[in-house]
Amino acid sequence: MKVRTALLLVAIVGIGVGGFVLFSRQSAKPLIPSPNGYDNYLTAAKNLIAANADSSATNFDALRRNIAENQDALRQVRKGLEFRCEIPVVAFGNGLPSELSSFKGLSQILRTEGDLALSEGRTRDAAKSYLDGIRFGQEVSRGVLIYNLVGIAIEYNAITYLAKCKAKLSQADRQFVLDHLSILATNREPFSTVSERERIFMRVSQKSLLQTVAWPYLWYKMRPALQKAEDKGLQNSARIELLRADLALERFKETNHRWPTTLAELKLVPPPIDPFGPDNALLSYFLKGTEYELYSIGPDRKDDGGNATKDITIESKFLSR
């Protein structure tokens, strides 16, 4: 019994020492670019003027006033989109960083700008605002996990509103959107980068040896949250690919007076890959009479034939495994 207890203590100490070495080692923090789009977003957040209570979706005069009041903020957001964004990994003070809610407010202004343009028949201007919203969401995702989740939500909302206006796009506007979505399709950073930032964040947030030794277990417990965040980002990637494919299908139909037999006929660059599919498989596509079915197999990574609760379509909300 004494030998068994001693071995158990040795194992516990070994795990603790190993955890200390793993989590206290000086990992290289991500390099901060100069200029950094993040700085412009912070300036935009400071300049943000919240909408008044009367700025409803149908009160166009109030919407125009709110957009006019936020021109400086919008300029800073778009200036930031010209640069790479990297959000520094630092320990938080009390509570979450205040800019997170401001970033949501900035995304709301971009969406309002798009909604107003759409109501006034300026379809391309509307599409530009929604596309900027997608890019903004992707860029503010380049931080630790909480920034990533806020960015994913911003991106999702912008994709949703862009998808809703696709029926109003002219042929030229459709091509404009398709070209920009093809760029955005390659703009997402690997989730492993987010995960590494979070690991560094956990290290810099600890103040004692005891806390550091405990982190291997806490890091293990975080795995489901990290996996869920990764899946959400991939679902946004799937929505972008679905929207690209959908626009390209309409273009193909106008030119050839038929739907393609396979997505390969669209000759999209990059091809519309399903981020949940095996071996760079394309999105799922098949003809149904005079229409077609188009979907991603979703986070369960099983083809459920376009089942709305398991597979992803353009209109889908976030799904779980």
C-alpha atoms as a PDB file:
ATOM      1  CA  MET A   1       0.000   0.000   0.000  1.00  0.00           C
ATOM      2  CA  LYS A   2       2.832   2.397   0.878  1.00  0.00           C
ATOM      3  CA  VAL A   3       4.582   1.650  -2.406  1.00  0.00           C
ATOM      4  CA  ARG A   4       1.370   2.266  -4.335  1.00  0.00           C
ATOM      5  CA  THR A   5       0.827   5.589  -2.552  1.00  0.00           C
ATOM      6  CA  ALA A   6       4.400   6.639  -3.237  1.00  0.00           C
ATOM      7  CA  LEU A   7       4.056   5.808  -6.921  1.00  0.00           C
ATOM      8  CA  LEU A   8       0.830   7.793  -7.069  1.00  0.00           C
ATOM      9  CA  LEU A   9       2.525  10.810  -5.509  1.00  0.00           C
ATOM     10  CA  VAL A  10       5.418  10.509  -7.956  1.00  0.00           C
ATOM     11  CA  ALA A  11       2.941  10.391 -10.851  1.00  0.00           C
ATOM     12  CA  ILE A  12       1.092  13.472  -9.576  1.00  0.00           C
ATOM     13  CA  VAL A  13       4.347  15.394  -9.129  1.00  0.00           C
ATOM     14  CA  GLY A  14       5.479  14.297 -12.600  1.00  0.00           C
ATOM     15  CA  ILE A  15       2.263  15.483 -14.192  1.00  0.00           C
ATOM     16  CA  GLY A  16       2.534  18.760 -12.303  1.00  0.00           C
ATOM     17  CA  VAL A  17       6.133  19.341 -13.370  1.00  0.00           C
ATOM     18  CA  GLY A  18       5.315  18.380 -16.942  1.00  0.00           C
ATOM     19  CA  GLY A  19       2.381  20.776 -16.940  1.00  0.00           C
ATOM     20  CA  PHE A  20       4.567  23.536 -15.556  1.00  0.00           C
ATOM     21  CA  VAL A  21       7.157  23.000 -18.271  1.00  0.00           C
ATOM     22  CA  LEU A  22       4.505  22.838 -20.998  1.00  0.00           C
ATOM     23  CA  PHE A  23       2.520  25.879 -19.986  1.00  0.00           C
ATOM     24  CA  SER A  24       5.260  28.115 -18.616  1.00  0.00           C
ATOM     25  CA  ARG A  25       7.672  27.768 -21.503  1.00  0.00           C
ATOM     26  CA  GLN A  26       8.128  31.024 -23.375  1.00  0.00           C
ATOM     27  CA  SER A  27       6.061  30.545 -26.498  1.00  0.00           C
ATOM     28  CA  ALA A  28       6.657  33.019 -29.261  1.00  0.00           C
ATOM     29  CA  LYS A  29       3.788  35.468 -29.321  1.00  0.00           C
ATOM     30  CA  PRO A  30       2.359  36.257 -32.762  1.00  0.00           C
ATOM     31  CA  LEU A  31       4.203  39.066 -34.497  1.00  0.00           C
ATOM     32  CA  ILE A  32       2.281  42.330 -34.517  1.00  0.00           C
ATOM     33  CA  PRO A  33       2.149  43.837 -38.018  1.00  0.00           C
ATOM     34  CA  SER A  34       2.791  47.515 -38.625  1.00  0.00           C
ATOM     35  CA  PRO A  35       0.452  49.048 -39.571  1.00  0.00           C
ATOM     36  CA  ASN A  36      -2.046  46.862 -37.722  1.00  0.00           C
ATOM     37  CA  GLY A  37      -5.710  46.949 -38.732  1.00  0.00           C
ATOM     38  CA  TYR A  38      -6.595  46.396 -35.075  1.00  0.00           C
ATOM     39  CA  ASP A  39      -5.447  49.941 -34.260  1.00  0.00           C
ATOM     40  CA  ASN A  40      -7.890  51.355 -36.808  1.00  0.00           C
ATOM     41  CA  TYR A  41     -10.700  49.258 -35.359  1.00  0.00           C
ATOM     42  CA  LEU A  42      -9.953  50.619 -31.884  1.00  0.00           C
ATOM     43  CA  THR A  43     -10.116  54.163 -33.252  1.00  0.00           C
ATOM     44  CA  ALA A  44     -13.382  53.326 -35.006  1.00  0.00           C
ATOM     45  CA  ALA A  45     -14.762  51.947 -31.742  1.00  0.00           C
ATOM     46  CA  LYS A  46     -13.956  55.222 -29.961  1.00  0.00           C
ATOM     47  CA  ASN A  47     -15.714  57.192 -32.715  1.00  0.00           C
ATOM     48  CA  LEU A  48     -18.799  54.971 -32.747  1.00  0.00           C
ATOM     49  CA  ILE A  49     -22.085  56.770 -32.097  1.00  0.00           C
ATOM     50  CA  ALA A  50     -24.858  54.417 -31.022  1.00  0.00           C
ATOM     51  CA  ALA A  51     -28.170  54.477 -32.883  1.00  0.00           C
ATOM     52  CA  ASN A  52     -31.103  56.301 -31.305  1.00  0.00           C
ATOM     53  CA  ALA A  53     -34.206  54.427 -30.242  1.00  0.00           C
ATOM     54  CA  ASP A  54     -36.052  55.618 -33.360  1.00  0.00           C
ATOM     55  CA  SER A  55     -33.474  54.064 -35.730  1.00  0.00           C
ATOM     56  CA  SER A  56     -35.674  51.115 -36.652  1.00  0.00           C
ATOM     57  CA  ALA A  57     -35.200  49.186 -39.880  1.00  0.00           C
ATOM     58  CA  THR A  58     -38.093  51.092 -41.475  1.00  0.00           C
ATOM     59  CA  ASN A  59     -37.224  54.606 -40.230  1.00  0.00           C
ATOM     60  CA  PHE A  60     -34.981  55.513 -43.124  1.00  0.00           C
ATOM     61  CA  ASP A  61     -34.413  59.119 -42.048  1.00  0.00           C
ATOM     62  CA  ALA A  62     -33.114  57.904 -38.687  1.00  0.00           C
ATOM     63  CA  LEU A  63     -30.934  55.325 -40.431  1.00  0.00           C
ATOM     64  CA  ARG A  64     -29.450  58.022 -42.690  1.00  0.00           C
ATOM     65  CA  ARG A  65     -28.681  60.209 -39.670  1.00  0.00           C
ATOM     66  CA  ASN A  66     -27.006  57.344 -37.840  1.00  0.00           C
ATOM     67  CA  ILE A  67     -24.873  56.470 -40.858  1.00  0.00           C
ATOM     68  CA  ALA A  68     -23.929  60.142 -41.362  1.00  0.00           C
ATOM     69  CA  GLU A  69     -22.916  60.411 -37.691  1.00  0.00           C
ATOM     70  CA  ASN A  70     -20.672  57.372 -38.034  1.00  0.00           C
ATOM     71  CA  GLN A  71     -18.770  58.268 -41.186  1.00  0.00           C
ATOM     72  CA  ASP A  72     -15.515  58.636 -39.239  1.00  0.00           C
ATOM     73  CA  ALA A  73     -15.996  55.212 -37.664  1.00  0.00           C
ATOM     74  CA  LEU A  74     -16.792  53.634 -41.037  1.00  0.00           C
ATOM     75  CA  ARG A  75     -13.708  55.230 -42.601  1.00  0.00           C
ATOM     76  CA  GLN A  76     -11.511  53.812 -39.854  1.00  0.00           C
ATOM     77  CA  VAL A  77     -13.016  50.335 -40.251  1.00  0.00           C
ATOM     78  CA  ARG A  78     -12.375  50.368 -43.985  1.00  0.00           C
ATOM     79  CA  LYS A  79      -8.881  51.733 -43.477  1.00  0.00           C
ATOM     80  CA  GLY A  80      -8.229  48.846 -41.113  1.00  0.00           C
ATOM     81  CA  LEU A  81      -9.443  46.361 -43.728  1.00  0.00           C
ATOM     82  CA  GLU A  82      -6.500  47.454 -45.904  1.00  0.00           C
ATOM     83  CA  PHE A  83      -4.065  46.005 -43.353  1.00  0.00           C
ATOM     84  CA  ARG A  84      -3.517  42.690 -41.659  1.00  0.00           C
ATOM     85  CA  CYS A  85      -5.037  42.495 -38.181  1.00  0.00           C
ATOM     86  CA  GLU A  86      -3.394  40.859 -35.182  1.00  0.00           C
ATOM     87  CA  ILE A  87      -4.909  41.360 -31.736  1.00  0.00           C
ATOM     88  CA  PRO A  88      -2.164  41.292 -29.061  1.00  0.00           C
ATOM     89  CA  VAL A  89      -2.290  38.479 -26.521  1.00  0.00           C
ATOM     90  CA  VAL A  90      -2.426  40.142 -23.110  1.00  0.00           C
ATOM     91  CA  ALA A  91      -4.048  39.272 -19.798  1.00  0.00           C
ATOM     92  CA  PHE A  92      -7.488  40.830 -19.331  1.00  0.00           C
ATOM     93  CA  GLY A  93      -8.238  43.098 -16.406  1.00  0.00           C
ATOM     94  CA  ASN A  94     -11.623  42.895 -14.737  1.00  0.00           C
ATOM     95  CA  GLY A  95     -14.149  41.499 -17.196  1.00  0.00           C
ATOM     96  CA  LEU A  96     -13.946  41.269 -20.974  1.00  0.00           C
ATOM     97  CA  PRO A  97     -12.350  43.977 -23.150  1.00  0.00           C
ATOM     98  CA  SER A  98     -14.838  46.786 -23.813  1.00  0.00           C
ATOM     99  CA  GLU A  99     -13.993  46.894 -27.510  1.00  0.00           C
ATOM    100  CA  LEU A 100     -15.775  43.573 -28.067  1.00  0.00           C
ATOM    101  CA  SER A 101     -19.198  45.208 -27.736  1.00  0.00           C
ATOM    102  CA  SER A 102     -17.985  48.146 -29.836  1.00  0.00           C
ATOM    103  CA  PHE A 103     -16.919  45.763 -32.594  1.00  0.00           C
ATOM    104  CA  LYS A 104     -20.468  44.411 -32.620  1.00  0.00           C
ATOM    105  CA  GLY A 105     -21.723  47.997 -32.886  1.00  0.00           C
ATOM    106  CA  LEU A 106     -19.409  48.689 -35.823  1.00  0.00           C
ATOM    107  CA  SER A 107     -20.697  45.599 -37.603  1.00  0.00           C
ATOM    108  CA  GLN A 108     -24.228  46.866 -37.003  1.00  0.00           C
ATOM    109  CA  ILE A 109     -23.373  50.182 -38.695  1.00  0.00           C
ATOM    110  CA  LEU A 110     -21.998  48.315 -41.720  1.00  0.00           C
ATOM    111  CA  ARG A 111     -25.197  46.274 -41.893  1.00  0.00           C
ATOM    112  CA  THR A 112     -27.374  49.381 -41.514  1.00  0.00           C
ATOM    113  CA  GLU A 113     -25.445  51.023 -44.331  1.00  0.00           C
ATOM    114  CA  GLY A 114     -26.130  47.982 -46.494  1.00  0.00           C
ATOM    115  CA  ASP A 115     -29.808  47.826 -45.570  1.00  0.00           C
ATOM    116  CA  LEU A 116     -30.316  51.489 -46.435  1.00  0.00           C
ATOM    117  CA  ALA A 117     -28.507  51.121 -49.771  1.00  0.00           C
ATOM    118  CA  LEU A 118     -30.669  48.103 -50.593  1.00  0.00           C
ATOM    119  CA  SER A 119     -33.882  50.009 -49.785  1.00  0.00           C
ATOM    120  CA  GLU A 120     -32.750  52.802 -52.113  1.00  0.00           C
ATOM    121  CA  GLY A 121     -32.014  50.418 -54.986  1.00  0.00           C
ATOM    122  CA  ARG A 122     -28.226  50.743 -54.661  1.00  0.00           C
ATOM    123  CA  THR A 123     -27.666  47.011 -54.745  1.00  0.00           C
ATOM    124  CA  ARG A 124     -23.913  47.025 -55.329  1.00  0.00           C
ATOM    125  CA  ASP A 125     -23.370  49.498 -52.483  1.00  0.00           C
ATOM    126  CA  ALA A 126     -25.417  47.193 -50.254  1.00  0.00           C
ATOM    127  CA  ALA A 127     -23.318  44.205 -51.293  1.00  0.00           C
ATOM    128  CA  LYS A 128     -20.115  46.158 -50.579  1.00  0.00           C
ATOM    129  CA  SER A 129     -21.285  46.922 -47.039  1.00  0.00           C
ATOM    130  CA  TYR A 130     -22.189  43.292 -46.365  1.00  0.00           C
ATOM    131  CA  LEU A 131     -18.889  42.091 -47.852  1.00  0.00           C
ATOM    132  CA  ASP A 132     -17.014  44.546 -45.640  1.00  0.00           C
ATOM    133  CA  GLY A 133     -18.966  43.112 -42.706  1.00  0.00           C
ATOM    134  CA  ILE A 134     -17.789  39.597 -43.565  1.00  0.00           C
ATOM    135  CA  ARG A 135     -14.181  40.749 -43.852  1.00  0.00           C
ATOM    136  CA  PHE A 136     -14.433  42.738 -40.614  1.00  0.00           C
ATOM    137  CA  GLY A 137     -15.685  39.641 -38.787  1.00  0.00           C
ATOM    138  CA  GLN A 138     -12.817  37.570 -40.157  1.00  0.00           C
ATOM    139  CA  GLU A 139     -10.235  40.172 -39.156  1.00  0.00           C
ATOM    140  CA  VAL A 140     -11.388  40.732 -35.557  1.00  0.00           C
ATOM    141  CA  SER A 141     -11.331  36.946 -35.153  1.00  0.00           C
ATOM    142  CA  ARG A 142      -7.537  37.123 -35.120  1.00  0.00           C
ATOM    143  CA  GLY A 143      -7.200  37.114 -31.345  1.00  0.00           C
ATOM    144  CA  VAL A 144      -7.796  34.768 -28.427  1.00  0.00           C
ATOM    145  CA  LEU A 145     -10.920  32.625 -28.264  1.00  0.00           C
ATOM    146  CA  ILE A 146     -13.402  35.314 -27.176  1.00  0.00           C
ATOM    147  CA  TYR A 147     -12.369  37.576 -30.071  1.00  0.00           C
ATOM    148  CA  ASN A 148     -12.668  34.624 -32.411  1.00  0.00           C
ATOM    149  CA  LEU A 149     -16.229  33.922 -31.267  1.00  0.00           C
ATOM    150  CA  VAL A 150     -17.289  37.572 -31.599  1.00  0.00           C
ATOM    151  CA  GLY A 151     -15.757  37.724 -35.074  1.00  0.00           C
ATOM    152  CA  ILE A 152     -17.550  34.540 -36.124  1.00  0.00           C
ATOM    153  CA  ALA A 153     -20.894  36.018 -35.021  1.00  0.00           C
ATOM    154  CA  ILE A 154     -20.199  39.257 -36.931  1.00  0.00           C
ATOM    155  CA  GLU A 155     -19.217  37.304 -40.044  1.00  0.00           C
ATOM    156  CA  TYR A 156     -22.287  35.069 -39.831  1.00  0.00           C
ATOM    157  CA  ASN A 157     -24.689  38.031 -39.686  1.00  0.00           C
ATOM    158  CA  ALA A 158     -23.039  39.711 -42.664  1.00  0.00           C
ATOM    159  CA  ILE A 159     -23.156  36.487 -44.714  1.00  0.00           C
ATOM    160  CA  THR A 160     -26.854  36.114 -43.856  1.00  0.00           C
ATOM    161  CA  TYR A 161     -27.745  39.611 -45.068  1.00  0.00           C
ATOM    162  CA  LEU A 162     -25.661  39.262 -48.211  1.00  0.00           C
ATOM    163  CA  ALA A 163     -27.436  35.996 -49.014  1.00  0.00           C
ATOM    164  CA  LYS A 164     -30.826  37.666 -48.581  1.00  0.00           C
ATOM    165  CA  CYS A 165     -30.056  40.268 -51.243  1.00  0.00           C
ATOM    166  CA  LYS A 166     -28.590  37.897 -53.861  1.00  0.00           C
ATOM    167  CA  ALA A 167     -31.879  37.688 -55.780  1.00  0.00           C
ATOM    168  CA  LYS A 168     -31.692  41.454 -56.398  1.00  0.00           C
ATOM    169  CA  LEU A 169     -28.185  41.385 -57.844  1.00  0.00           C
ATOM    170  CA  SER A 170     -27.703  42.212 -61.493  1.00  0.00           C
ATOM    171  CA  GLN A 171     -25.439  40.028 -63.600  1.00  0.00           C
ATOM    172  CA  ALA A 172     -22.547  42.475 -63.137  1.00  0.00           C
ATOM    173  CA  ASP A 173     -23.193  42.791 -59.401  1.00  0.00           C
ATOM    174  CA  ARG A 174     -23.353  39.022 -59.071  1.00  0.00           C
ATOM    175  CA  GLN A 175     -19.910  38.735 -60.622  1.00  0.00           C
ATOM    176  CA  PHE A 176     -18.630  41.508 -58.340  1.00  0.00           C
ATOM    177  CA  VAL A 177     -19.851  39.651 -55.255  1.00  0.00           C
ATOM    178  CA  LEU A 178     -18.546  36.330 -56.539  1.00  0.00           C
ATOM    179  CA  ASP A 179     -15.057  37.784 -57.091  1.00  0.00           C
ATOM    180  CA  HIS A 180     -14.940  39.232 -53.579  1.00  0.00           C
ATOM    181  CA  LEU A 181     -16.277  36.074 -51.950  1.00  0.00           C
ATOM    182  CA  SER A 182     -13.533  34.101 -53.699  1.00  0.00           C
ATOM    183  CA  ILE A 183     -10.998  36.283 -51.887  1.00  0.00           C
ATOM    184  CA  LEU A 184     -12.808  35.969 -48.562  1.00  0.00           C
ATOM    185  CA  ALA A 185     -12.945  32.191 -48.968  1.00  0.00           C
ATOM    186  CA  THR A 186      -9.156  32.073 -48.500  1.00  0.00           C
ATOM    187  CA  ASN A 187      -8.918  34.759 -45.796  1.00  0.00           C
ATOM    188  CA  ARG A 188      -9.687  32.655 -42.700  1.00  0.00           C
ATOM    189  CA  GLU A 189      -6.658  31.808 -40.592  1.00  0.00           C
ATOM    190  CA  PRO A 190      -6.189  28.206 -39.382  1.00  0.00           C
ATOM    191  CA  PHE A 191      -7.900  27.559 -36.068  1.00  0.00           C
ATOM    192  CA  SER A 192      -4.633  26.145 -34.758  1.00  0.00           C
ATOM    193  CA  THR A 193      -3.411  29.760 -34.654  1.00  0.00           C
ATOM    194  CA  VAL A 194      -6.373  30.757 -32.469  1.00  0.00           C
ATOM    195  CA  SER A 195      -5.758  27.745 -30.234  1.00  0.00           C
ATOM    196  CA  GLU A 196      -2.098  28.653 -29.804  1.00  0.00           C
ATOM    197  CA  ARG A 197      -3.015  32.242 -28.903  1.00  0.00           C
ATOM    198  CA  GLU A 198      -5.417  30.904 -26.283  1.00  0.00           C
ATOM    199  CA  ARG A 199      -2.703  28.686 -24.816  1.00  0.00           C
ATOM    200  CA  ILE A 200      -0.354  31.683 -24.585  1.00  0.00           C
ATOM    201  CA  PHE A 201      -3.166  33.735 -23.054  1.00  0.00           C
ATOM    202  CA  MET A 202      -3.687  31.107 -20.378  1.00  0.00           C
ATOM    203  CA  ARG A 203       0.016  31.272 -19.541  1.00  0.00           C
ATOM    204  CA  VAL A 204       0.314  35.053 -19.345  1.00  0.00           C
ATOM    205  CA  SER A 205      -2.867  35.231 -17.257  1.00  0.00           C
ATOM    206  CA  GLN A 206      -1.423  33.087 -14.444  1.00  0.00           C
ATOM    207  CA  LYS A 207       0.408  34.598 -11.494  1.00  0.00           C
ATOM    208  CA  SER A 208       1.686  31.638  -9.481  1.00  0.00           C
ATOM    209  CA  LEU A 209       3.370  28.259  -9.853  1.00  0.00           C
ATOM    210  CA  LEU A 210       0.329  26.568  -8.337  1.00  0.00           C
ATOM    211  CA  GLN A 211      -1.959  28.098 -10.964  1.00  0.00           C
ATOM    212  CA  THR A 212       0.406  27.097 -13.755  1.00  0.00           C
ATOM    213  CA  VAL A 213       0.626  23.498 -12.559  1.00  0.00           C
ATOM    214  CA  ALA A 214      -3.182  23.278 -12.639  1.00  0.00           C
ATOM    215  CA  TRP A 215      -3.476  24.446 -16.244  1.00  0.00           C
ATOM    216  CA  PRO A 216      -2.893  21.129 -18.055  1.00  0.00           C
ATOM    217  CA  TYR A 217      -6.159  19.870 -16.587  1.00  0.00           C
ATOM    218  CA  LEU A 218      -7.990  23.119 -17.372  1.00  0.00           C
ATOM    219  CA  TRP A 219      -6.584  23.117 -20.911  1.00  0.00           C
ATOM    220  CA  TYR A 220      -7.893  19.570 -21.320  1.00  0.00           C
ATOM    221  CA  LYS A 221     -11.308  20.711 -20.084  1.00  0.00           C
ATOM    222  CA  MET A 222     -11.306  23.498 -22.690  1.00  0.00           C
ATOM    223  CA  ARG A 223     -11.113  21.110 -25.619  1.00  0.00           C
ATOM    224  CA  PRO A 224     -14.901  20.930 -26.204  1.00  0.00           C
ATOM    225  CA  ALA A 225     -15.146  24.747 -26.261  1.00  0.00           C
ATOM    226  CA  LEU A 226     -12.250  24.995 -28.707  1.00  0.00           C
ATOM    227  CA  GLN A 227     -13.754  22.310 -30.938  1.00  0.00           C
ATOM    228  CA  LYS A 228     -17.120  24.070 -30.924  1.00  0.00           C
ATOM    229  CA  ALA A 229     -15.508  27.375 -31.919  1.00  0.00           C
ATOM    230  CA  GLU A 230     -13.548  25.682 -34.703  1.00  0.00           C
ATOM    231  CA  ASP A 231     -16.742  24.097 -36.037  1.00  0.00           C
ATOM    232  CA  LYS A 232     -18.509  27.477 -36.037  1.00  0.00           C
ATOM    233  CA  GLY A 233     -15.712  29.054 -38.058  1.00  0.00           C
ATOM    234  CA  LEU A 234     -15.833  26.184 -40.552  1.00  0.00           C
ATOM    235  CA  GLN A 235     -19.607  26.588 -40.826  1.00  0.00           C
ATOM    236  CA  ASN A 236     -19.064  30.193 -41.883  1.00  0.00           C
ATOM    237  CA  SER A 237     -16.524  28.944 -44.426  1.00  0.00           C
ATOM    238  CA  ALA A 238     -19.161  26.528 -45.709  1.00  0.00           C
ATOM    239  CA  ARG A 239     -21.716  29.354 -46.047  1.00  0.00           C
ATOM    240  CA  ILE A 240     -19.273  31.427 -48.076  1.00  0.00           C
ATOM    241  CA  GLU A 241     -18.583  28.458 -50.346  1.00  0.00           C
ATOM    242  CA  LEU A 242     -22.319  27.784 -50.697  1.00  0.00           C
ATOM    243  CA  LEU A 243     -22.989  31.390 -51.631  1.00  0.00           C
ATOM    244  CA  ARG A 244     -20.141  31.352 -54.153  1.00  0.00           C
ATOM    245  CA  ALA A 245     -21.440  28.153 -55.713  1.00  0.00           C
ATOM    246  CA  ASP A 246     -25.016  29.456 -55.772  1.00  0.00           C
ATOM    247  CA  LEU A 247     -24.013  32.645 -57.596  1.00  0.00           C
ATOM    248  CA  ALA A 248     -21.850  30.672 -60.019  1.00  0.00           C
ATOM    249  CA  LEU A 249     -24.742  28.279 -60.706  1.00  0.00           C
ATOM    250  CA  GLU A 250     -26.976  31.206 -61.644  1.00  0.00           C
ATOM    251  CA  ARG A 251     -24.261  32.551 -63.923  1.00  0.00           C
ATOM    252  CA  PHE A 252     -23.861  29.146 -65.560  1.00  0.00           C
ATOM    253  CA  LYS A 253     -27.626  28.828 -66.093  1.00  0.00           C
ATOM    254  CA  GLU A 254     -27.825  32.244 -67.770  1.00  0.00           C
ATOM    255  CA  THR A 255     -25.023  31.325 -70.157  1.00  0.00           C
ATOM    256  CA  ASN A 256     -25.865  27.691 -70.900  1.00  0.00           C
ATOM    257  CA  HIS A 257     -29.657  27.601 -70.310  1.00  0.00           C
ATOM    258  CA  ARG A 258     -29.245  24.558 -68.063  1.00  0.00           C
ATOM    259  CA  TRP A 259     -27.850  23.614 -64.685  1.00  0.00           C
ATOM    260  CA  PRO A 260     -24.410  21.949 -64.658  1.00  0.00           C
ATOM    261  CA  THR A 261     -24.158  18.224 -64.079  1.00  0.00           C
ATOM    262  CA  THR A 262     -21.416  18.723 -61.460  1.00  0.00           C
ATOM    263  CA  LEU A 263     -19.919  21.693 -59.646  1.00  0.00           C
ATOM    264  CA  ALA A 264     -16.643  21.071 -61.481  1.00  0.00           C
ATOM    265  CA  GLU A 265     -18.321  22.510 -64.603  1.00  0.00           C
ATOM    266  CA  LEU A 266     -18.475  25.898 -62.874  1.00  0.00           C
ATOM    267  CA  LYS A 267     -14.669  26.162 -63.034  1.00  0.00           C
ATOM    268  CA  LEU A 268     -14.593  28.245 -59.857  1.00  0.00           C
ATOM    269  CA  VAL A 269     -11.179  29.333 -58.560  1.00  0.00           C
ATOM    270  CA  PRO A 270     -10.702  28.301 -55.828  1.00  0.00           C
ATOM    271  CA  PRO A 271     -13.112  25.366 -56.206  1.00  0.00           C
ATOM    272  CA  PRO A 272     -16.121  25.264 -53.812  1.00  0.00           C
ATOM    273  CA  ILE A 273     -14.616  22.897 -51.240  1.00  0.00           C
ATOM    274  CA  ASP A 274     -16.731  21.549 -48.396  1.00  0.00           C
ATOM    275  CA  PRO A 275     -14.683  22.379 -45.248  1.00  0.00           C
ATOM    276  CA  PHE A 276     -16.255  19.359 -43.517  1.00  0.00           C
ATOM    277  CA  GLY A 277     -15.771  16.976 -46.417  1.00  0.00           C
ATOM    278  CA  PRO A 278     -12.987  14.389 -46.804  1.00  0.00           C
ATOM    279  CA  ASP A 279      -9.965  14.937 -49.039  1.00  0.00           C
ATOM    280  CA  ASN A 280     -10.943  18.395 -50.381  1.00  0.00           C
ATOM    281  CA  ALA A 281     -14.312  17.141 -51.586  1.00  0.00           C
ATOM    282  CA  LEU A 282     -16.599  19.663 -53.266  1.00  0.00           C
ATOM    283  CA  LEU A 283     -19.896  20.745 -51.762  1.00  0.00           C
ATOM    284  CA  SER A 284     -22.749  18.276 -52.201  1.00  0.00           C
ATOM    285  CA  TYR A 285     -24.762  19.062 -55.338  1.00  0.00           C
ATOM    286  CA  PHE A 286     -27.363  17.177 -57.332  1.00  0.00           C
ATOM    287  CA  LEU A 287     -30.244  18.004 -59.626  1.00  0.00           C
ATOM    288  CA  LYS A 288     -33.867  17.668 -58.515  1.00  0.00           C
ATOM    289  CA  GLY A 289     -36.063  18.031 -61.564  1.00  0.00           C
ATOM    290  CA  THR A 290     -35.710  21.626 -62.746  1.00  0.00           C
ATOM    291  CA  GLU A 291     -34.014  22.721 -59.518  1.00  0.00           C
ATOM    292  CA  TYR A 292     -30.918  21.643 -57.578  1.00  0.00           C
ATOM    293  CA  GLU A 293     -29.852  20.693 -54.062  1.00  0.00           C
ATOM    294  CA  LEU A 294     -26.704  22.327 -52.676  1.00  0.00           C
ATOM    295  CA  TYR A 295     -25.296  21.827 -49.179  1.00  0.00           C
ATOM    296  CA  SER A 296     -22.309  21.098 -46.945  1.00  0.00           C
ATOM    297  CA  ILE A 297     -22.349  17.852 -44.984  1.00  0.00           C
ATOM    298  CA  GLY A 298     -21.895  19.856 -41.774  1.00  0.00           C
ATOM    299  CA  PRO A 299     -20.046  19.349 -38.494  1.00  0.00           C
ATOM    300  CA  ASP A 300     -21.127  15.724 -38.047  1.00  0.00           C
ATOM    301  CA  ARG A 301     -19.175  15.072 -41.271  1.00  0.00           C
ATOM    302  CA  LYS A 302     -21.898  12.754 -42.578  1.00  0.00           C
ATOM    303  CA  ASP A 303     -23.931  13.273 -45.725  1.00  0.00           C
ATOM    304  CA  ASP A 304     -27.545  13.370 -44.559  1.00  0.00           C
ATOM    305  CA  GLY A 305     -28.966  14.202 -47.986  1.00  0.00           C
ATOM    306  CA  GLY A 306     -29.506  17.887 -47.295  1.00  0.00           C
ATOM    307  CA  ASN A 307     -31.256  17.382 -43.940  1.00  0.00           C
ATOM    308  CA  ALA A 308     -31.745  20.931 -42.617  1.00  0.00           C
ATOM    309  CA  THR A 309     -30.950  19.913 -39.030  1.00  0.00           C
ATOM    310  CA  LYS A 310     -27.672  18.179 -39.902  1.00  0.00           C
ATOM    311  CA  ASP A 311     -26.387  19.558 -43.199  1.00  0.00           C
ATOM    312  CA  ILE A 312     -25.596  23.213 -43.909  1.00  0.00           C
ATOM    313  CA  THR A 313     -27.392  25.318 -46.502  1.00  0.00           C
ATOM    314  CA  ILE A 314     -27.055  29.052 -47.101  1.00  0.00           C
ATOM    315  CA  GLU A 315     -30.013  29.702 -44.780  1.00  0.00           C
ATOM    316  CA  SER A 316     -28.817  27.390 -41.963  1.00  0.00           C
ATOM    317  CA  LYS A 317     -28.194  28.568 -38.435  1.00  0.00           C
ATOM    318  CA  PHE A 318     -25.249  27.165 -36.490  1.00  0.00           C
ATOM    319  CA  LEU A 319     -25.361  23.385 -36.086  1.00  0.00           C
ATOM    320  CA  SER A 320     -23.834  21.159 -33.435  1.00  0.00           C
ATOM    321  CA  ARG A 321     -22.103  17.852 -33.975  1.00  0.00           C
END
